[in-house]
C-alpha atoms as a PDB file:
ATOM      1  CA  UNK A   1     -20.875  62.410 222.048  1.00  0.00           C
ATOM      2  CA  UNK A   2     -18.703  59.627 220.816  1.00  0.00           C
ATOM      3  CA  UNK A   3     -17.154  59.925 217.378  1.00  0.00           C
ATOM      4  CA  UNK A   4     -17.928  56.238 216.893  1.00  0.00           C
ATOM      5  CA  UNK A   5     -21.643  56.874 217.479  1.00  0.00           C
ATOM      6  CA  UNK A   6     -21.609  59.743 214.981  1.00  0.00           C
ATOM      7  CA  UNK A   7     -19.751  57.640 212.392  1.00  0.00           C
ATOM      8  CA  UNK A   8     -22.235  54.800 212.774  1.00  0.00           C
ATOM      9  CA  UNK A   9     -25.221  57.173 212.617  1.00  0.00           C
ATOM     10  CA  UNK A  10     -23.924  58.748 209.431  1.00  0.00           C
ATOM     11  CA  UNK A  11     -23.338  55.290 207.916  1.00  0.00           C
ATOM     12  CA  UNK A  12     -26.931  54.335 208.753  1.00  0.00           C
ATOM     13  CA  UNK A  13     -28.225  57.523 207.132  1.00  0.00           C
ATOM     14  CA  UNK A  14     -26.137  56.874 204.003  1.00  0.00           C
ATOM     15  CA  UNK A  15     -27.340  53.251 203.834  1.00  0.00           C
ATOM     16  CA  UNK A  16     -30.966  54.324 204.216  1.00  0.00           C
ATOM     17  CA  UNK A  17     -30.996  57.529 202.148  1.00  0.00           C
ATOM     18  CA  UNK A  18     -28.086  57.169 199.731  1.00  0.00           C
ATOM     19  CA  UNK A  19     -25.221  59.368 198.745  1.00  0.00           C
ATOM     20  CA  UNK A  20     -27.109  62.533 199.717  1.00  0.00           C
ATOM     21  CA  UNK A  21     -26.401  61.714 203.341  1.00  0.00           C
ATOM     22  CA  UNK A  22     -22.625  61.515 202.891  1.00  0.00           C
ATOM     23  CA  UNK A  23     -22.193  65.274 203.174  1.00  0.00           C
ATOM     24  CA  UNK A  24     -24.255  65.592 206.346  1.00  0.00           C
ATOM     25  CA  UNK A  25     -22.679  67.434 209.224  1.00  0.00           C
ATOM     26  CA  UNK A  26     -23.728  66.674 212.824  1.00  0.00           C
ATOM     27  CA  UNK A  27     -25.826  69.845 213.029  1.00  0.00           C
ATOM     28  CA  UNK A  28     -27.608  69.650 209.662  1.00  0.00           C
ATOM     29  CA  UNK A  29     -31.376  69.309 209.805  1.00  0.00           C
ATOM     30  CA  UNK A  30     -32.093  65.745 208.647  1.00  0.00           C
ATOM     31  CA  UNK A  31     -35.518  66.576 207.271  1.00  0.00           C
ATOM     32  CA  UNK A  32     -34.295  69.513 205.191  1.00  0.00           C
ATOM     33  CA  UNK A  33     -30.926  68.079 204.126  1.00  0.00           C
ATOM     34  CA  UNK A  34     -32.249  64.668 203.142  1.00  0.00           C
ATOM     35  CA  UNK A  35     -35.744  65.709 202.115  1.00  0.00           C
ATOM     36  CA  UNK A  36     -37.271  63.018 204.337  1.00  0.00           C
ATOM     37  CA  UNK A  37     -40.653  62.862 205.994  1.00  0.00           C
ATOM     38  CA  UNK A  38     -41.671  61.594 209.426  1.00  0.00           C
ATOM     39  CA  UNK A  39     -42.286  58.050 208.165  1.00  0.00           C
ATOM     40  CA  UNK A  40     -38.768  57.853 206.746  1.00  0.00           C
ATOM     41  CA  UNK A  41     -37.436  59.230 210.032  1.00  0.00           C
ATOM     42  CA  UNK A  42     -39.187  56.367 211.846  1.00  0.00           C
ATOM     43  CA  UNK A  43     -37.497  53.908 209.483  1.00  0.00           C
ATOM     44  CA  UNK A  44     -34.157  55.455 210.427  1.00  0.00           C
ATOM     45  CA  UNK A  45     -35.090  55.164 214.109  1.00  0.00           C
ATOM     46  CA  UNK A  46     -35.757  51.453 213.651  1.00  0.00           C
ATOM     47  CA  UNK A  47     -32.356  51.068 211.977  1.00  0.00           C
ATOM     48  CA  UNK A  48     -30.525  52.846 214.767  1.00  0.00           C
ATOM     49  CA  UNK A  49     -32.349  50.958 217.522  1.00  0.00           C
ATOM     50  CA  UNK A  50     -31.200  47.700 215.934  1.00  0.00           C
ATOM     51  CA  UNK A  51     -27.657  48.932 215.247  1.00  0.00           C
ATOM     52  CA  UNK A  52     -27.092  50.262 218.764  1.00  0.00           C
ATOM     53  CA  UNK A  53     -29.230  47.686 220.586  1.00  0.00           C
ATOM     54  CA  UNK A  54     -31.308  50.377 222.294  1.00  0.00           C
ATOM     55  CA  UNK A  55     -34.982  51.198 222.511  1.00  0.00           C
ATOM     56  CA  UNK A  56     -35.861  54.860 222.088  1.00  0.00           C
ATOM     57  CA  UNK A  57     -39.442  55.946 222.770  1.00  0.00           C
ATOM     58  CA  UNK A  58     -40.833  58.250 220.091  1.00  0.00           C
ATOM     59  CA  UNK A  59     -41.490  61.018 222.629  1.00  0.00           C
ATOM     60  CA  UNK A  60     -37.746  61.284 223.348  1.00  0.00           C
ATOM     61  CA  UNK A  61     -37.167  62.253 219.730  1.00  0.00           C
ATOM     62  CA  UNK A  62     -39.599  65.154 219.606  1.00  0.00           C
ATOM     63  CA  UNK A  63     -37.621  68.130 218.401  1.00  0.00           C
ATOM     64  CA  UNK A  64     -34.561  66.004 217.528  1.00  0.00           C
ATOM     65  CA  UNK A  65     -33.723  66.637 213.902  1.00  0.00           C
ATOM     66  CA  UNK A  66     -29.920  66.367 213.666  1.00  0.00           C
ATOM     67  CA  UNK A  67     -27.335  63.608 213.840  1.00  0.00           C
ATOM     68  CA  UNK A  68     -25.886  65.316 216.916  1.00  0.00           C
ATOM     69  CA  UNK A  69     -29.292  65.174 218.599  1.00  0.00           C
ATOM     70  CA  UNK A  70     -29.704  61.503 217.714  1.00  0.00           C
ATOM     71  CA  UNK A  71     -26.228  60.742 219.049  1.00  0.00           C
ATOM     72  CA  UNK A  72     -27.102  62.443 222.338  1.00  0.00           C
ATOM     73  CA  UNK A  73     -30.323  60.434 222.721  1.00  0.00           C
ATOM     74  CA  UNK A  74     -28.481  57.200 221.926  1.00  0.00           C
ATOM     75  CA  UNK A  75     -25.744  58.083 224.397  1.00  0.00           C
ATOM     76  CA  UNK A  76     -28.336  58.472 227.135  1.00  0.00           C
ATOM     77  CA  UNK A  77     -29.746  55.019 226.329  1.00  0.00           C
ATOM     78  CA  UNK A  78     -26.460  53.090 226.263  1.00  0.00           C
END
């Protein structure tokens, strides 16, 4: 996993969800740490698809709930 991908993912989370995302570690559960629901997670997915110029089918994200997991999925799409 590229550090650049992780940095950009974290920046997207901070931009979308505010200062609460600044302290996220790669293995923190996004839903628990940020208090987000599935609709907000889809908004984040849209942001990351645009930022990384990738298209990620929803089914590939089943069970992915960390920044590290998102970075892995993005890495497979780039």
